[in-house]
Amino acid sequence: MSAPIKLAIEGGTPVRTQPMPPRALIGEEEKAAVMKMFDEAIQTGNAFGYGGTYEQQYEKDFVDFMGGGFADAVNSGTNAVFCALGGLQLDAFSEVIIPPITDPGGVMPVIFAGCVPVMADADPRSFNTSDEQIAPLLTERTRAIIIAHIAGEPADMDPIMALAKKRHLFVIEDCAQAHGATYKGKLLGTFGDFSAFSTMFGKHHCTGGQGGVVYTQNESLHWQARRFADRGKPFNLDAPGNVIAGLNCNLNDLSAAIGSSQLKKLPKIIAKRRFIGNAVKAGLASRKAVSVGWQVPDTEPVYWFLRIKLELDRIKTDKETFCKALSAEGIPAAPSYRHIPAEAPWFKNKATFGKSGFPWNCSDYHGPRTPVYRAENAIEAAETHFMIPIHENFGQQEVDDILSAIKKVETAYLK
């Protein structure tokens, strides 16, 4: 008879005793690109700015990665969503469907575009929404849908796009966590009217500390968004001055130079993350209580993190304790990704512009005075999954350790 398993959290020997390797996203290539710019600025006496040759090159490189289209580099993923909304030129108080689980920066731009956020629920197997969750929320006031591909996992786009086409609605894809993910062989970001990418330091590729890209395959929409992103400047128009109200959301040439270097690395980054994610997925296929979360068929995620499903009725502890036990084994695990917009105080309390309750309380808005949302499935998904952070600098040893630790902890807690 085998001896009982002694978990590290109970004083046993951990599976892994050394820290996970650092990501090492920034290297000599980015340093050389930046130093080249400094050398040029010192030699010429001209400070680098924005919209110059480096930013233009980064936008070209991004378009090449996407297989064509139009790109405008901006200063954050939040502003990428904001400028996409601005490019749609929606009337004030238009309703915009928002994702059930997402970063606040993917939702707050709706308010600042003068529109009304309406939160759709999640597919209960995923952190992403679906056409079935969106359809009941559509009204005569709905004008656009924002679809987030959380954890680098594609939402089921064909039914969503069919619904949008039927109702004449715009679609913005939030690809902040999904650089290079594919749905039925096609890159995410190429389905909607716009897509918004975050290029902050934690994403698949970065432009330094912060950044973003507004991408579209529609040239007219591209120019509308670009004007909005730079205070309404009359780009591609014969006009004497600024043509629309907008903010300064520009990226800068220094960040763009980093971005171009990063894009050269992106295919390998994607391939390595897929290897890690798929290896863990295969390794957990026979486990009784733990598995990589359900994914839409015929998709290739890019695993911004591993979304792990825990069958709570099959273990004799709670999710928080399970994750603490994994962490004690040397595998970092976060018990929750409950980033549900409707649960945030600002959303529930309508804390937007002072005490106005804008946009819900405005007399010109003819919808509900209380923010509309559905969250039952999103809460269930958040409560039945946990996260394991990964990155492309993991190797086979890290994969093996993740699987060994999960097997050890599951075995100890299995009913």
Foldseek 3Di string as FASTA:
>chain_A
DDDAFDFLVNPDAFLDDDAFDDFPLDDPQLVVLLVVQVVVCVVVVNHFWFPDPLQVVLQVLVCVLQVHFGKAKFWALLVLLLLLLQLVVDDAAQEEEEWFFDDVSNPVSCQVSNYAYAYFAPDLLDSWHAPVRVVVVDDPRHAEYETECPQQFDYQVPSVLVVCVVVVHFYEYECQAHVQKDALRHGPQARTQKYKYWAAPLHLHHLYHTIIMITGRDVSSNQSSVCQCCQQANPPDDDDGRDDGHDPGHDTSSSSSSSSSRSVCNVLFQVLQQVLQVLLQVLCVPPDFKHFTDGDPSIRGSRQWTKMFGRVVFFQDAQVVLQVSLVSSNFHKASFSLRGPCVDCCQQCCVDPPNCSPPLNDPVNPDHSGHHYDYPSSVSSGRRIMIGGDTSPDDPVVSVSSSVSNVSSCVNGGD
